[in-house]
């Protein structure tokens, strides 16, 4: 079930970036609820102070992580280092932001699993947001051909194949570089901008297959 305006996020779609309004709404509801609860309790101010003092001691002794994650959630709401729908990476965790909560946030990984990450980790760790400004991603292809091949022809074929892909950014031409030399082979590195971070795997598969077919037709040996 989805609450407070949440929407189902799929991994393989284009980023539908959303802000942190849902998390902010939750925070407001929590604060209003606490204020109403204190008001309804009818406790005198002096007793209320004692209760809050005891609560403060409890927080100091055993709730540091909870408070840290809560405060981190508030900071994330206002600083907005990422939004719902962004593709982010933190240490060994990588995925699409599915939900931003007060205490933790949820990532949907390429494998389909949902990872819950405490907001304190998101704020203190080295967070990479791949889609903060746009969905572009620089992809790398490695292709090894025979050293007897015509390198100009190799580069022209690779360039034409990439130009025909619907997944590339036309205004950013690919870089076709000689990456390594051996006695019987030449390794080519291709750097190309993909227009959607979520289609990189499909782009690589499709492009490599088309290059292989084009090389076979041109009698260029792939090593």
N, C-alpha and C. Protein backbone atom coordinates (compact mmCIF):
# COMPACT_ATOMS: atom_id res chain seq x y z
N UNK A 1 0.83 -1.20 0.00
CA UNK A 1 0.00 0.00 0.00
C UNK A 1 0.86 1.25 0.00
N UNK A 2 0.39 2.29 -0.68
CA UNK A 2 1.12 3.54 -0.78
C UNK A 2 0.37 4.62 -0.01
N UNK A 3 1.11 5.42 0.75
CA UNK A 3 0.50 6.42 1.61
C UNK A 3 1.04 7.81 1.30
N UNK A 4 0.24 8.83 1.67
CA UNK A 4 0.67 10.22 1.61
C UNK A 4 1.23 10.60 0.24
N UNK A 5 0.55 10.19 -0.82
CA UNK A 5 0.96 10.61 -2.16
C UNK A 5 2.11 9.84 -2.77
N UNK A 6 2.50 8.71 -2.17
CA UNK A 6 3.58 7.91 -2.76
C UNK A 6 3.12 7.34 -4.10
N UNK A 7 4.06 7.14 -5.00
CA UNK A 7 3.77 6.51 -6.27
C UNK A 7 4.74 5.38 -6.52
N UNK A 8 4.27 4.35 -7.20
CA UNK A 8 5.11 3.20 -7.51
C UNK A 8 6.19 3.61 -8.49
N UNK A 9 7.45 3.27 -8.17
CA UNK A 9 8.59 3.62 -9.03
C UNK A 9 9.11 2.34 -9.67
N UNK A 10 9.25 2.36 -11.01
CA UNK A 10 9.85 1.23 -11.71
C UNK A 10 11.28 1.57 -12.05
N UNK A 11 12.13 0.54 -12.17
CA UNK A 11 13.55 0.81 -12.39
C UNK A 11 13.87 1.19 -13.82
N UNK A 12 13.24 0.51 -14.77
CA UNK A 12 13.71 0.65 -16.15
C UNK A 12 13.10 1.81 -16.90
N UNK A 13 12.26 2.61 -16.25
CA UNK A 13 11.69 3.77 -16.92
C UNK A 13 12.60 4.97 -16.80
N UNK A 14 12.33 5.99 -17.59
CA UNK A 14 13.10 7.23 -17.48
C UNK A 14 12.80 7.88 -16.14
N UNK A 15 13.73 8.68 -15.66
CA UNK A 15 13.58 9.31 -14.35
C UNK A 15 12.40 10.27 -14.35
N UNK A 16 11.48 10.07 -13.43
CA UNK A 16 10.39 11.01 -13.20
C UNK A 16 10.70 11.68 -11.88
N UNK A 17 11.53 12.72 -11.93
CA UNK A 17 12.08 13.29 -10.70
C UNK A 17 10.98 13.97 -9.89
N UNK A 18 11.00 13.70 -8.60
CA UNK A 18 10.06 14.31 -7.68
C UNK A 18 10.84 14.86 -6.51
N UNK A 19 10.28 15.89 -5.88
CA UNK A 19 10.92 16.47 -4.71
C UNK A 19 10.63 15.69 -3.46
N UNK A 20 10.86 16.34 -2.30
CA UNK A 20 10.70 15.67 -1.01
C UNK A 20 9.43 16.12 -0.30
N UNK A 21 8.40 16.49 -1.05
CA UNK A 21 7.18 17.00 -0.43
C UNK A 21 6.50 15.95 0.43
N UNK A 22 6.58 14.68 0.01
CA UNK A 22 5.94 13.61 0.78
C UNK A 22 6.59 13.49 2.15
N UNK A 23 7.93 13.47 2.17
CA UNK A 23 8.64 13.36 3.45
C UNK A 23 8.38 14.58 4.32
N UNK A 24 8.32 15.77 3.71
CA UNK A 24 8.05 16.99 4.47
C UNK A 24 6.65 16.94 5.06
N UNK A 25 5.69 16.43 4.29
CA UNK A 25 4.32 16.30 4.78
C UNK A 25 4.26 15.35 5.97
N UNK A 26 5.01 14.26 5.90
CA UNK A 26 5.07 13.31 7.02
C UNK A 26 5.62 13.99 8.26
N UNK A 27 6.69 14.79 8.07
CA UNK A 27 7.30 15.48 9.20
C UNK A 27 6.31 16.42 9.86
N UNK A 28 5.57 17.18 9.05
CA UNK A 28 4.57 18.11 9.60
C UNK A 28 3.51 17.35 10.39
N UNK A 29 3.05 16.22 9.85
CA UNK A 29 2.03 15.41 10.54
C UNK A 29 2.56 14.93 11.89
N UNK A 30 3.83 14.48 11.92
CA UNK A 30 4.41 13.99 13.18
C UNK A 30 4.49 15.11 14.21
N UNK A 31 4.95 16.30 13.79
CA UNK A 31 5.08 17.42 14.72
C UNK A 31 3.72 17.84 15.25
N UNK A 32 2.73 17.95 14.36
CA UNK A 32 1.38 18.33 14.79
C UNK A 32 0.82 17.28 15.75
N UNK A 33 1.05 16.00 15.43
CA UNK A 33 0.57 14.93 16.31
C UNK A 33 1.18 15.01 17.70
N UNK A 34 2.48 15.28 17.78
CA UNK A 34 3.13 15.41 19.09
C UNK A 34 2.59 16.59 19.87
N UNK A 35 2.39 17.72 19.19
CA UNK A 35 1.85 18.90 19.87
C UNK A 35 0.44 18.65 20.39
N UNK A 36 -0.38 17.99 19.58
CA UNK A 36 -1.74 17.67 20.01
C UNK A 36 -1.74 16.70 21.18
N UNK A 37 -0.80 15.73 21.13
CA UNK A 37 -0.72 14.76 22.22
C UNK A 37 -0.33 15.43 23.53
N UNK A 38 0.64 16.35 23.48
CA UNK A 38 1.04 17.07 24.69
C UNK A 38 -0.10 17.95 25.21
N UNK A 39 -0.82 18.59 24.27
CA UNK A 39 -1.93 19.45 24.68
C UNK A 39 -3.05 18.63 25.31
N UNK A 40 -3.36 17.48 24.70
CA UNK A 40 -4.44 16.64 25.21
C UNK A 40 -4.10 15.98 26.53
N UNK A 41 -2.81 15.82 26.81
CA UNK A 41 -2.41 15.16 28.06
C UNK A 41 -2.76 15.98 29.28
N UNK A 42 -2.87 17.29 29.11
CA UNK A 42 -3.23 18.15 30.23
C UNK A 42 -2.17 18.27 31.29
N UNK A 43 -0.93 17.87 30.99
CA UNK A 43 0.14 17.96 31.98
C UNK A 43 0.52 19.41 32.22
N UNK A 44 0.74 19.79 33.47
CA UNK A 44 1.22 21.14 33.77
C UNK A 44 2.60 21.33 33.15
N UNK A 45 2.97 22.57 32.94
CA UNK A 45 4.23 22.88 32.27
C UNK A 45 5.44 22.34 33.02
N UNK A 46 5.40 22.39 34.39
CA UNK A 46 6.55 21.91 35.15
C UNK A 46 6.74 20.40 34.99
N UNK A 47 5.62 19.66 34.99
CA UNK A 47 5.71 18.21 34.79
C UNK A 47 6.12 17.88 33.36
N UNK A 48 5.62 18.68 32.44
CA UNK A 48 5.98 18.47 31.04
C UNK A 48 7.48 18.67 30.84
N UNK A 49 8.04 19.64 31.56
CA UNK A 49 9.49 19.88 31.49
C UNK A 49 10.27 18.68 32.00
N UNK A 50 9.76 18.07 33.09
CA UNK A 50 10.41 16.88 33.64
C UNK A 50 10.38 15.74 32.64
N UNK A 51 9.21 15.56 32.00
CA UNK A 51 9.06 14.49 31.00
C UNK A 51 10.03 14.71 29.84
N UNK A 52 10.09 15.96 29.37
CA UNK A 52 10.99 16.26 28.25
C UNK A 52 12.45 16.08 28.65
N UNK A 53 12.77 16.41 29.91
CA UNK A 53 14.13 16.21 30.40
C UNK A 53 14.51 14.75 30.44
N UNK A 54 13.57 13.92 30.94
CA UNK A 54 13.82 12.47 30.97
C UNK A 54 13.96 11.91 29.56
N UNK A 55 13.12 12.45 28.66
CA UNK A 55 13.20 12.01 27.26
C UNK A 55 14.56 12.38 26.67
N UNK A 56 15.05 13.57 27.04
CA UNK A 56 16.35 14.00 26.55
C UNK A 56 17.47 13.10 27.03
N UNK A 57 17.38 12.65 28.30
CA UNK A 57 18.38 11.72 28.83
C UNK A 57 18.34 10.41 28.07
N UNK A 58 17.11 9.93 27.81
CA UNK A 58 16.96 8.67 27.07
C UNK A 58 17.55 8.78 25.68
N UNK A 59 17.32 9.93 25.04
CA UNK A 59 17.89 10.14 23.71
C UNK A 59 19.41 10.13 23.76
N UNK A 60 19.94 10.79 24.80
CA UNK A 60 21.39 10.85 24.94
C UNK A 60 22.01 9.50 25.16
N UNK A 61 21.30 8.60 25.85
CA UNK A 61 21.86 7.30 26.19
C UNK A 61 21.69 6.24 25.09
N UNK A 62 20.52 6.21 24.49
CA UNK A 62 20.28 5.06 23.61
C UNK A 62 19.63 5.35 22.27
N UNK A 63 19.44 6.61 21.91
CA UNK A 63 18.71 6.91 20.68
C UNK A 63 19.52 7.78 19.73
N UNK A 64 20.85 7.74 19.88
CA UNK A 64 21.66 8.60 19.03
C UNK A 64 21.44 8.33 17.55
N UNK A 65 21.39 7.04 17.19
CA UNK A 65 21.23 6.69 15.78
C UNK A 65 19.88 7.13 15.24
N UNK A 66 18.84 6.95 16.06
CA UNK A 66 17.50 7.34 15.63
C UNK A 66 17.43 8.84 15.40
N UNK A 67 17.96 9.59 16.38
CA UNK A 67 17.94 11.05 16.26
C UNK A 67 18.81 11.50 15.09
N UNK A 68 19.96 10.86 14.91
CA UNK A 68 20.85 11.21 13.80
C UNK A 68 20.16 11.01 12.46
N UNK A 69 19.46 9.87 12.31
CA UNK A 69 18.76 9.60 11.06
C UNK A 69 17.59 10.55 10.86
N UNK A 70 16.91 10.90 11.95
CA UNK A 70 15.78 11.82 11.88
C UNK A 70 16.24 13.20 11.43
N UNK A 71 17.29 13.70 12.09
CA UNK A 71 17.83 15.01 11.72
C UNK A 71 18.38 14.99 10.30
N UNK A 72 19.05 13.89 9.94
CA UNK A 72 19.57 13.76 8.57
C UNK A 72 18.45 13.79 7.55
N UNK A 73 17.31 13.17 7.90
CA UNK A 73 16.16 13.18 7.00
C UNK A 73 15.65 14.59 6.76
N UNK A 74 15.63 15.40 7.83
CA UNK A 74 15.19 16.79 7.70
C UNK A 74 16.16 17.57 6.81
N UNK A 75 17.46 17.34 7.01
CA UNK A 75 18.47 18.03 6.19
C UNK A 75 18.34 17.62 4.72
N UNK A 76 18.10 16.33 4.47
CA UNK A 76 17.95 15.86 3.08
C UNK A 76 16.74 16.51 2.41
N UNK A 77 15.67 16.72 3.19
CA UNK A 77 14.46 17.32 2.64
C UNK A 77 14.75 18.73 2.11
N UNK A 78 15.53 19.48 2.86
CA UNK A 78 15.75 20.88 2.49
C UNK A 78 16.96 21.07 1.58
N UNK A 79 17.99 20.25 1.71
CA UNK A 79 19.16 20.39 0.84
C UNK A 79 18.94 19.74 -0.53
N UNK A 80 18.14 18.68 -0.59
CA UNK A 80 17.78 18.00 -1.83
C UNK A 80 18.98 17.55 -2.67
N UNK A 81 19.88 16.73 -2.09
CA UNK A 81 20.98 16.19 -2.90
C UNK A 81 20.49 15.16 -3.91
N UNK A 82 19.29 14.64 -3.71
CA UNK A 82 18.66 13.73 -4.67
C UNK A 82 17.16 13.83 -4.53
N UNK A 83 16.46 13.31 -5.55
CA UNK A 83 15.00 13.34 -5.57
C UNK A 83 14.48 11.94 -5.85
N UNK A 84 13.20 11.74 -5.60
CA UNK A 84 12.58 10.46 -5.96
C UNK A 84 12.69 10.30 -7.48
N UNK A 85 13.21 9.17 -7.92
CA UNK A 85 13.42 8.92 -9.34
C UNK A 85 14.86 9.06 -9.77
N UNK A 86 15.72 9.66 -8.92
CA UNK A 86 17.14 9.79 -9.25
C UNK A 86 17.86 8.45 -9.15
N UNK A 87 18.92 8.29 -9.93
CA UNK A 87 19.77 7.10 -9.87
C UNK A 87 21.02 7.46 -9.08
N UNK A 88 21.18 6.85 -7.91
CA UNK A 88 22.27 7.24 -7.01
C UNK A 88 23.14 6.03 -6.66
N UNK A 89 24.34 6.33 -6.16
CA UNK A 89 25.29 5.30 -5.76
C UNK A 89 25.91 5.69 -4.43
N UNK A 90 25.90 4.76 -3.48
CA UNK A 90 26.50 4.98 -2.17
C UNK A 90 27.28 3.74 -1.79
N UNK A 91 28.62 3.86 -1.74
CA UNK A 91 29.49 2.71 -1.45
C UNK A 91 29.18 1.60 -2.46
N UNK A 92 28.75 0.42 -1.98
CA UNK A 92 28.45 -0.70 -2.88
C UNK A 92 26.98 -0.78 -3.25
N UNK A 93 26.20 0.22 -2.86
CA UNK A 93 24.76 0.23 -3.15
C UNK A 93 24.49 1.20 -4.29
N UNK A 94 23.68 0.73 -5.24
CA UNK A 94 23.36 1.54 -6.41
C UNK A 94 21.92 1.27 -6.81
N UNK A 95 21.16 2.32 -7.10
CA UNK A 95 19.79 2.10 -7.51
C UNK A 95 19.01 3.39 -7.69
N UNK A 96 17.73 3.23 -7.98
CA UNK A 96 16.82 4.35 -8.21
C UNK A 96 16.11 4.68 -6.91
N UNK A 97 16.08 5.97 -6.55
CA UNK A 97 15.43 6.40 -5.31
C UNK A 97 13.93 6.17 -5.43
N UNK A 98 13.41 5.32 -4.56
CA UNK A 98 11.99 4.98 -4.60
C UNK A 98 11.19 5.77 -3.57
N UNK A 99 11.83 6.10 -2.45
CA UNK A 99 11.12 6.82 -1.39
C UNK A 99 12.13 7.56 -0.52
N UNK A 100 11.77 8.75 -0.07
CA UNK A 100 12.58 9.52 0.87
C UNK A 100 11.77 9.68 2.14
N UNK A 101 12.20 9.01 3.20
CA UNK A 101 11.47 9.05 4.46
C UNK A 101 12.17 9.94 5.48
N UNK A 102 11.56 10.07 6.64
CA UNK A 102 12.14 10.88 7.71
C UNK A 102 13.34 10.17 8.33
N UNK A 103 13.26 8.85 8.51
CA UNK A 103 14.36 8.11 9.15
C UNK A 103 15.25 7.41 8.14
N UNK A 104 14.68 6.94 7.05
CA UNK A 104 15.46 6.20 6.05
C UNK A 104 14.88 6.45 4.66
N UNK A 105 15.66 6.05 3.65
CA UNK A 105 15.21 6.17 2.27
C UNK A 105 15.34 4.81 1.59
N UNK A 106 14.62 4.64 0.49
CA UNK A 106 14.55 3.34 -0.16
C UNK A 106 15.06 3.43 -1.59
N UNK A 107 15.96 2.47 -1.94
CA UNK A 107 16.48 2.37 -3.30
C UNK A 107 15.96 1.11 -3.97
N UNK A 108 15.66 1.21 -5.25
CA UNK A 108 15.30 0.05 -6.07
C UNK A 108 16.50 -0.27 -6.95
N UNK A 109 17.11 -1.45 -6.74
CA UNK A 109 18.34 -1.81 -7.46
C UNK A 109 18.02 -2.35 -8.85
N UNK A 110 19.02 -2.41 -9.74
CA UNK A 110 18.80 -2.99 -11.07
C UNK A 110 18.34 -4.44 -11.02
N UNK A 111 18.67 -5.15 -9.92
CA UNK A 111 18.25 -6.54 -9.76
C UNK A 111 16.81 -6.67 -9.26
N UNK A 112 16.18 -5.54 -8.92
CA UNK A 112 14.79 -5.56 -8.47
C UNK A 112 14.60 -5.59 -6.97
N UNK A 113 15.68 -5.64 -6.20
CA UNK A 113 15.55 -5.65 -4.74
C UNK A 113 15.42 -4.22 -4.22
N UNK A 114 14.76 -4.09 -3.06
CA UNK A 114 14.58 -2.79 -2.42
C UNK A 114 15.53 -2.69 -1.23
N UNK A 115 16.35 -1.67 -1.21
CA UNK A 115 17.36 -1.49 -0.17
C UNK A 115 16.97 -0.30 0.70
N UNK A 116 16.89 -0.53 2.01
CA UNK A 116 16.58 0.53 2.96
C UNK A 116 17.90 1.08 3.50
N UNK A 117 18.13 2.37 3.34
CA UNK A 117 19.37 3.00 3.79
C UNK A 117 19.05 4.09 4.80
N UNK A 118 19.64 4.04 6.00
CA UNK A 118 19.42 5.10 6.99
C UNK A 118 19.85 6.45 6.42
N UNK A 119 19.09 7.49 6.71
CA UNK A 119 19.41 8.81 6.17
C UNK A 119 20.76 9.32 6.65
N UNK A 120 21.17 8.89 7.85
CA UNK A 120 22.48 9.29 8.36
C UNK A 120 23.60 8.83 7.45
N UNK A 121 23.47 7.61 6.90
CA UNK A 121 24.48 7.08 5.97
C UNK A 121 24.48 7.87 4.66
N UNK A 122 23.30 8.24 4.19
CA UNK A 122 23.20 9.00 2.95
C UNK A 122 23.84 10.38 3.08
N UNK A 123 23.70 10.96 4.27
CA UNK A 123 24.23 12.30 4.47
C UNK A 123 25.73 12.31 4.73
N UNK A 124 26.23 11.28 5.42
CA UNK A 124 27.64 11.27 5.80
C UNK A 124 28.53 10.55 4.79
N UNK A 125 27.95 9.67 3.97
CA UNK A 125 28.73 8.91 3.00
C UNK A 125 28.98 9.69 1.72
N UNK A 126 29.81 9.11 0.86
CA UNK A 126 30.10 9.72 -0.45
C UNK A 126 29.00 9.30 -1.42
N UNK A 127 28.06 10.19 -1.64
CA UNK A 127 26.90 9.91 -2.47
C UNK A 127 27.12 10.42 -3.89
N UNK A 128 26.89 9.55 -4.87
CA UNK A 128 26.99 9.94 -6.27
C UNK A 128 25.59 9.94 -6.87
N UNK A 129 25.17 11.08 -7.40
CA UNK A 129 23.87 11.19 -8.05
C UNK A 129 24.10 11.26 -9.56
N UNK A 130 23.77 10.17 -10.24
CA UNK A 130 24.03 10.08 -11.68
C UNK A 130 23.06 10.92 -12.51
N UNK A 131 21.91 11.27 -11.95
CA UNK A 131 20.86 11.93 -12.74
C UNK A 131 20.42 13.26 -12.13
N UNK A 132 21.29 13.92 -11.40
CA UNK A 132 20.91 15.19 -10.76
C UNK A 132 20.61 16.26 -11.81
N UNK A 133 21.47 16.37 -12.82
CA UNK A 133 21.28 17.39 -13.85
C UNK A 133 20.59 16.83 -15.10
N UNK A 134 20.91 15.59 -15.46
CA UNK A 134 20.28 14.94 -16.61
C UNK A 134 20.47 13.43 -16.47
N UNK A 135 19.91 12.69 -17.41
CA UNK A 135 19.97 11.22 -17.36
C UNK A 135 21.14 10.65 -18.17
N UNK A 136 22.03 11.51 -18.66
CA UNK A 136 23.13 11.05 -19.50
C UNK A 136 24.15 10.23 -18.70
N UNK A 137 24.77 9.29 -19.37
CA UNK A 137 25.82 8.47 -18.77
C UNK A 137 26.88 8.17 -19.82
N UNK A 138 28.15 8.37 -19.48
CA UNK A 138 29.23 8.03 -20.42
C UNK A 138 29.53 6.55 -20.29
N UNK A 139 29.27 5.82 -21.36
CA UNK A 139 29.46 4.38 -21.38
C UNK A 139 30.77 4.04 -22.10
N UNK A 140 31.35 2.92 -21.72
CA UNK A 140 32.64 2.50 -22.29
C UNK A 140 32.51 1.13 -22.95
N UNK A 141 32.99 1.04 -24.18
CA UNK A 141 33.03 -0.22 -24.90
C UNK A 141 34.49 -0.56 -25.21
N UNK A 142 34.86 -1.82 -25.03
CA UNK A 142 36.20 -2.29 -25.38
C UNK A 142 36.09 -3.31 -26.50
N UNK A 143 36.80 -3.07 -27.59
CA UNK A 143 36.74 -3.93 -28.76
C UNK A 143 38.17 -4.25 -29.19
N UNK A 144 38.45 -5.53 -29.41
CA UNK A 144 39.81 -5.94 -29.80
C UNK A 144 39.75 -6.55 -31.21
N UNK A 145 40.57 -6.01 -32.10
CA UNK A 145 40.60 -6.50 -33.48
C UNK A 145 42.03 -6.91 -33.84
N UNK A 146 42.15 -7.59 -34.96
CA UNK A 146 43.47 -8.03 -35.43
C UNK A 146 44.34 -6.82 -35.77
N UNK A 147 45.63 -6.96 -35.51
CA UNK A 147 46.57 -5.86 -35.79
C UNK A 147 46.73 -5.61 -37.29
N UNK A 148 46.26 -6.55 -38.11
CA UNK A 148 46.34 -6.37 -39.57
C UNK A 148 45.15 -5.59 -40.13
N UNK A 149 44.18 -5.29 -39.28
CA UNK A 149 42.98 -4.59 -39.74
C UNK A 149 43.30 -3.14 -40.09
N UNK A 150 42.51 -2.60 -41.01
CA UNK A 150 42.62 -1.19 -41.38
C UNK A 150 41.97 -0.36 -40.28
N UNK A 151 42.78 0.37 -39.51
CA UNK A 151 42.26 1.08 -38.34
C UNK A 151 41.29 2.20 -38.71
N UNK A 152 41.53 2.84 -39.84
CA UNK A 152 40.60 3.89 -40.27
C UNK A 152 39.23 3.30 -40.58
N UNK A 153 39.23 2.14 -41.23
CA UNK A 153 37.97 1.47 -41.53
C UNK A 153 37.28 1.02 -40.24
N UNK A 154 38.06 0.51 -39.29
CA UNK A 154 37.51 0.09 -38.00
C UNK A 154 36.81 1.25 -37.31
N UNK A 155 37.47 2.40 -37.28
CA UNK A 155 36.89 3.57 -36.62
C UNK A 155 35.64 4.06 -37.34
N UNK A 156 35.65 4.02 -38.66
CA UNK A 156 34.48 4.47 -39.43
C UNK A 156 33.28 3.57 -39.17
N UNK A 157 33.51 2.26 -39.11
CA UNK A 157 32.41 1.32 -38.86
C UNK A 157 31.82 1.54 -37.47
N UNK A 158 32.70 1.67 -36.48
CA UNK A 158 32.22 1.89 -35.11
C UNK A 158 31.42 3.19 -35.03
N UNK A 159 31.93 4.24 -35.66
CA UNK A 159 31.25 5.53 -35.64
C UNK A 159 29.87 5.45 -36.28
N UNK A 160 29.76 4.76 -37.41
CA UNK A 160 28.48 4.64 -38.10
C UNK A 160 27.47 3.84 -37.28
N UNK A 161 27.94 2.77 -36.66
CA UNK A 161 27.04 1.95 -35.84
C UNK A 161 26.49 2.76 -34.67
N UNK A 162 27.37 3.49 -34.00
CA UNK A 162 26.93 4.29 -32.84
C UNK A 162 25.99 5.40 -33.29
N UNK A 163 26.28 6.00 -34.43
CA UNK A 163 25.43 7.08 -34.95
C UNK A 163 24.00 6.58 -35.20
N UNK A 164 23.87 5.31 -35.54
CA UNK A 164 22.55 4.75 -35.82
C UNK A 164 21.77 4.31 -34.60
N UNK A 165 22.35 4.44 -33.42
CA UNK A 165 21.66 4.03 -32.20
C UNK A 165 20.72 5.13 -31.70
N UNK A 166 19.56 4.74 -31.22
CA UNK A 166 18.60 5.70 -30.66
C UNK A 166 18.92 6.04 -29.21
N UNK A 167 19.92 5.37 -28.64
CA UNK A 167 20.23 5.55 -27.22
C UNK A 167 21.37 6.53 -26.96
N UNK A 168 21.93 7.13 -28.00
CA UNK A 168 23.08 8.02 -27.80
C UNK A 168 22.66 9.49 -27.85
N UNK A 169 23.53 10.34 -27.31
CA UNK A 169 23.30 11.79 -27.33
C UNK A 169 23.98 12.35 -28.58
N UNK A 170 23.18 12.78 -29.54
CA UNK A 170 23.72 13.18 -30.85
C UNK A 170 24.70 14.34 -30.77
N UNK A 171 24.46 15.27 -29.85
CA UNK A 171 25.31 16.47 -29.78
C UNK A 171 26.67 16.18 -29.13
N UNK A 172 26.83 14.97 -28.59
CA UNK A 172 28.10 14.59 -27.95
C UNK A 172 28.68 13.40 -28.71
N UNK A 173 29.56 13.64 -29.68
CA UNK A 173 30.10 12.55 -30.51
C UNK A 173 30.95 11.59 -29.70
N UNK A 174 31.03 10.33 -30.12
CA UNK A 174 31.82 9.33 -29.39
C UNK A 174 33.32 9.57 -29.56
N UNK A 175 34.07 9.09 -28.59
CA UNK A 175 35.54 9.11 -28.67
C UNK A 175 35.99 7.69 -28.97
N UNK A 176 36.71 7.51 -30.07
CA UNK A 176 37.20 6.19 -30.48
C UNK A 176 38.72 6.22 -30.36
N UNK A 177 39.25 5.50 -29.38
CA UNK A 177 40.65 5.60 -29.02
C UNK A 177 41.35 4.24 -29.08
N UNK A 178 42.63 4.25 -29.42
CA UNK A 178 43.45 3.03 -29.31
C UNK A 178 43.86 2.90 -27.85
N UNK A 179 43.42 1.81 -27.23
CA UNK A 179 43.64 1.65 -25.79
C UNK A 179 44.86 0.80 -25.46
N UNK A 180 45.16 -0.16 -26.35
CA UNK A 180 46.29 -1.06 -26.07
C UNK A 180 46.76 -1.73 -27.37
N UNK A 181 48.06 -1.98 -27.43
CA UNK A 181 48.65 -2.65 -28.60
C UNK A 181 49.32 -3.95 -28.18
N UNK A 182 49.15 -4.97 -29.01
CA UNK A 182 49.83 -6.25 -28.81
C UNK A 182 50.37 -6.71 -30.15
N UNK A 183 51.12 -7.80 -30.14
CA UNK A 183 51.75 -8.27 -31.38
C UNK A 183 50.72 -8.62 -32.44
N UNK A 184 49.58 -9.18 -32.00
CA UNK A 184 48.59 -9.64 -32.97
C UNK A 184 47.24 -8.94 -32.86
N UNK A 185 47.13 -7.94 -31.99
CA UNK A 185 45.82 -7.31 -31.80
C UNK A 185 45.94 -5.83 -31.40
N UNK A 186 44.84 -5.13 -31.61
CA UNK A 186 44.72 -3.73 -31.19
C UNK A 186 43.41 -3.61 -30.40
N UNK A 187 43.52 -3.04 -29.21
CA UNK A 187 42.32 -2.85 -28.39
C UNK A 187 41.81 -1.42 -28.56
N UNK A 188 40.54 -1.31 -28.92
CA UNK A 188 39.90 -0.02 -29.13
C UNK A 188 38.98 0.28 -27.96
N UNK A 189 39.11 1.48 -27.40
CA UNK A 189 38.19 1.94 -26.36
C UNK A 189 37.25 2.98 -26.97
N UNK A 190 35.94 2.75 -26.76
CA UNK A 190 34.94 3.68 -27.28
C UNK A 190 34.21 4.31 -26.09
N UNK A 191 34.26 5.62 -26.00
CA UNK A 191 33.54 6.36 -24.96
C UNK A 191 32.38 7.08 -25.63
N UNK A 192 31.18 6.78 -25.17
CA UNK A 192 29.99 7.34 -25.82
C UNK A 192 28.95 7.70 -24.77
N UNK A 193 28.28 8.82 -24.99
CA UNK A 193 27.25 9.28 -24.06
C UNK A 193 25.91 8.61 -24.39
N UNK A 194 25.36 7.91 -23.40
CA UNK A 194 24.05 7.28 -23.53
C UNK A 194 23.01 8.24 -22.96
N UNK A 195 21.87 8.36 -23.63
CA UNK A 195 20.90 9.38 -23.23
C UNK A 195 20.01 8.99 -22.06
N UNK A 196 20.16 7.77 -21.56
CA UNK A 196 19.38 7.36 -20.40
C UNK A 196 20.19 6.33 -19.63
N UNK A 197 20.48 6.63 -18.38
CA UNK A 197 21.33 5.76 -17.56
C UNK A 197 20.76 4.35 -17.46
N UNK A 198 19.45 4.22 -17.61
CA UNK A 198 18.80 2.92 -17.41
C UNK A 198 18.86 2.01 -18.63
N UNK A 199 19.34 2.51 -19.77
CA UNK A 199 19.39 1.68 -20.97
C UNK A 199 20.83 1.33 -21.35
N UNK A 200 21.79 1.58 -20.46
CA UNK A 200 23.19 1.34 -20.81
C UNK A 200 23.44 -0.12 -21.20
N UNK A 201 22.91 -1.05 -20.41
CA UNK A 201 23.15 -2.48 -20.70
C UNK A 201 22.58 -2.86 -22.06
N UNK A 202 21.36 -2.40 -22.36
CA UNK A 202 20.75 -2.69 -23.65
C UNK A 202 21.54 -2.04 -24.78
N UNK A 203 22.02 -0.82 -24.56
CA UNK A 203 22.82 -0.13 -25.57
C UNK A 203 24.10 -0.90 -25.88
N UNK A 204 24.80 -1.34 -24.84
CA UNK A 204 26.05 -2.08 -25.04
C UNK A 204 25.82 -3.36 -25.84
N UNK A 205 24.80 -4.12 -25.44
CA UNK A 205 24.52 -5.38 -26.12
C UNK A 205 24.18 -5.15 -27.59
N UNK A 206 23.28 -4.21 -27.83
CA UNK A 206 22.84 -3.92 -29.20
C UNK A 206 24.00 -3.42 -30.06
N UNK A 207 24.81 -2.52 -29.51
CA UNK A 207 25.90 -1.92 -30.28
C UNK A 207 27.01 -2.92 -30.59
N UNK A 208 27.39 -3.72 -29.61
CA UNK A 208 28.45 -4.71 -29.83
C UNK A 208 28.03 -5.74 -30.88
N UNK A 209 26.77 -6.16 -30.84
CA UNK A 209 26.28 -7.12 -31.84
C UNK A 209 26.32 -6.52 -33.25
N UNK A 210 25.90 -5.26 -33.37
CA UNK A 210 25.90 -4.60 -34.68
C UNK A 210 27.32 -4.38 -35.18
N UNK A 211 28.24 -4.06 -34.29
CA UNK A 211 29.64 -3.89 -34.68
C UNK A 211 30.23 -5.22 -35.15
N UNK A 212 29.89 -6.30 -34.44
CA UNK A 212 30.39 -7.62 -34.82
C UNK A 212 29.93 -8.00 -36.23
N UNK A 213 28.64 -7.76 -36.52
CA UNK A 213 28.10 -8.07 -37.84
C UNK A 213 28.79 -7.22 -38.91
N UNK A 214 28.98 -5.93 -38.62
CA UNK A 214 29.63 -5.03 -39.59
C UNK A 214 31.08 -5.43 -39.83
N UNK A 215 31.77 -5.87 -38.79
CA UNK A 215 33.15 -6.32 -38.95
C UNK A 215 33.21 -7.59 -39.79
N UNK A 216 32.28 -8.50 -39.58
CA UNK A 216 32.25 -9.74 -40.36
C UNK A 216 32.04 -9.43 -41.84
N UNK A 217 31.15 -8.48 -42.13
CA UNK A 217 30.89 -8.10 -43.52
C UNK A 217 32.11 -7.44 -44.16
N UNK A 218 32.90 -6.75 -43.34
CA UNK A 218 34.10 -6.06 -43.84
C UNK A 218 35.35 -6.94 -43.74
N UNK A 219 35.16 -8.18 -43.32
CA UNK A 219 36.28 -9.14 -43.17
C UNK A 219 37.33 -8.63 -42.18
N UNK A 220 36.84 -8.03 -41.09
CA UNK A 220 37.72 -7.58 -40.01
C UNK A 220 37.63 -8.60 -38.88
N UNK A 221 38.76 -9.13 -38.48
CA UNK A 221 38.79 -10.19 -37.47
C UNK A 221 38.73 -9.60 -36.06
N UNK A 222 37.76 -10.10 -35.29
CA UNK A 222 37.63 -9.70 -33.88
C UNK A 222 38.43 -10.68 -33.03
N UNK A 223 39.24 -10.17 -32.15
CA UNK A 223 40.10 -11.02 -31.31
C UNK A 223 39.45 -11.27 -29.95
